Amino acid sequence: MQETFGWRHFVVVNRKNEGDLVFAEVKAACDDSVRFWLNAKALKRRSLWSPGWKTLGEINK
């Protein structure tokens, strides 16, 4: 929902299991060089992430 590393739209490109934890690698939709790993549970938090593509107008409602 907020700008992260200069971008707002990301795609999950990889998944990694480490014990009971699941991590997702995400990359910026418009910049392949911006990639990072995060706990996949964080993707379910609607205050942080929202599925689908939204315009700035829709995000700021």
C-alpha atoms as a PDB file:
ATOM      1  CA  MET A   1       0.000   0.000   0.000  1.00  0.00           C
ATOM      2  CA  GLN A   2       2.979   2.286   0.572  1.00  0.00           C
ATOM      3  CA  GLU A   3       5.932   2.968  -1.660  1.00  0.00           C
ATOM      4  CA  THR A   4       8.673   0.380  -1.063  1.00  0.00           C
ATOM      5  CA  PHE A   5      12.162   0.883  -2.487  1.00  0.00           C
ATOM      6  CA  GLY A   6      10.627   3.555  -4.718  1.00  0.00           C
ATOM      7  CA  TRP A   7       7.856   1.343  -6.157  1.00  0.00           C
ATOM      8  CA  ARG A   8       4.228   0.431  -5.402  1.00  0.00           C
ATOM      9  CA  HIS A   9       3.574  -2.603  -7.619  1.00  0.00           C
ATOM     10  CA  PHE A  10       5.288  -5.937  -7.019  1.00  0.00           C
ATOM     11  CA  VAL A  11       5.133  -9.501  -8.297  1.00  0.00           C
ATOM     12  CA  VAL A  12       5.950 -12.644  -6.288  1.00  0.00           C
ATOM     13  CA  VAL A  13       8.673 -14.460  -8.246  1.00  0.00           C
ATOM     14  CA  ASN A  14       9.933 -17.103  -5.836  1.00  0.00           C
ATOM     15  CA  ARG A  15       9.079 -18.994  -2.659  1.00  0.00           C
ATOM     16  CA  LYS A  16      11.300 -20.542  -0.010  1.00  0.00           C
ATOM     17  CA  ASN A  17      10.415 -22.775   2.949  1.00  0.00           C
ATOM     18  CA  GLU A  18      12.633 -22.596   6.027  1.00  0.00           C
ATOM     19  CA  GLY A  19      11.272 -24.867   8.712  1.00  0.00           C
ATOM     20  CA  ASP A  20       7.789 -23.658   9.618  1.00  0.00           C
ATOM     21  CA  LEU A  21       8.306 -20.316   7.865  1.00  0.00           C
ATOM     22  CA  VAL A  22       7.507 -19.491   4.245  1.00  0.00           C
ATOM     23  CA  PHE A  23       9.227 -16.603   2.503  1.00  0.00           C
ATOM     24  CA  ALA A  24       8.293 -14.911  -0.754  1.00  0.00           C
ATOM     25  CA  GLU A  25      10.703 -13.125  -3.068  1.00  0.00           C
ATOM     26  CA  VAL A  26       9.054 -10.126  -4.657  1.00  0.00           C
ATOM     27  CA  LYS A  27      10.286  -7.848  -7.424  1.00  0.00           C
ATOM     28  CA  ALA A  28       9.113  -4.456  -8.543  1.00  0.00           C
ATOM     29  CA  ALA A  29       6.806  -4.816 -11.554  1.00  0.00           C
ATOM     30  CA  CYS A  30       8.703  -2.110 -13.462  1.00  0.00           C
ATOM     31  CA  ASP A  31      12.289  -2.716 -12.270  1.00  0.00           C
ATOM     32  CA  ASP A  32      13.816  -6.202 -12.248  1.00  0.00           C
ATOM     33  CA  SER A  33      16.738  -4.996 -10.132  1.00  0.00           C
ATOM     34  CA  VAL A  34      14.474  -4.282  -7.125  1.00  0.00           C
ATOM     35  CA  ARG A  35      13.966  -7.616  -5.338  1.00  0.00           C
ATOM     36  CA  PHE A  36      13.629  -8.599  -1.705  1.00  0.00           C
ATOM     37  CA  TRP A  37      12.462 -11.475   0.500  1.00  0.00           C
ATOM     38  CA  LEU A  38       9.722 -11.181   3.097  1.00  0.00           C
ATOM     39  CA  ASN A  39       7.722 -13.467   5.338  1.00  0.00           C
ATOM     40  CA  ALA A  40       4.817 -14.645   3.178  1.00  0.00           C
ATOM     41  CA  LYS A  41       2.392 -14.031   6.075  1.00  0.00           C
ATOM     42  CA  ALA A  42       3.026 -10.305   5.597  1.00  0.00           C
ATOM     43  CA  LEU A  43       1.357 -10.516   2.170  1.00  0.00           C
ATOM     44  CA  LYS A  44      -1.950 -11.333   3.901  1.00  0.00           C
ATOM     45  CA  ARG A  45      -1.902  -8.088   5.903  1.00  0.00           C
ATOM     46  CA  ARG A  46      -4.239  -5.795   3.931  1.00  0.00           C
ATOM     47  CA  SER A  47      -2.814  -2.731   5.680  1.00  0.00           C
ATOM     48  CA  LEU A  48       0.524  -3.511   3.993  1.00  0.00           C
ATOM     49  CA  TRP A  49      -0.284  -5.317   0.744  1.00  0.00           C
ATOM     50  CA  SER A  50      -3.260  -5.473  -1.596  1.00  0.00           C
ATOM     51  CA  PRO A  51      -3.711  -8.022  -4.397  1.00  0.00           C
ATOM     52  CA  GLY A  52      -4.131  -6.840  -7.961  1.00  0.00           C
ATOM     53  CA  TRP A  53      -3.170  -3.687  -9.778  1.00  0.00           C
ATOM     54  CA  LYS A  54      -4.604  -0.430  -8.414  1.00  0.00           C
ATOM     55  CA  THR A  55      -4.257   3.135  -9.605  1.00  0.00           C
ATOM     56  CA  LEU A  56      -3.014   5.830  -7.230  1.00  0.00           C
ATOM     57  CA  GLY A  57      -6.577   7.170  -7.099  1.00  0.00           C
ATOM     58  CA  GLU A  58      -7.862   3.797  -5.896  1.00  0.00           C
ATOM     59  CA  ILE A  59      -5.056   3.446  -3.347  1.00  0.00           C
ATOM     60  CA  ASN A  60      -5.652   6.923  -1.890  1.00  0.00           C
ATOM     61  CA  LYS A  61      -9.418   6.460  -1.360  1.00  0.00           C
END
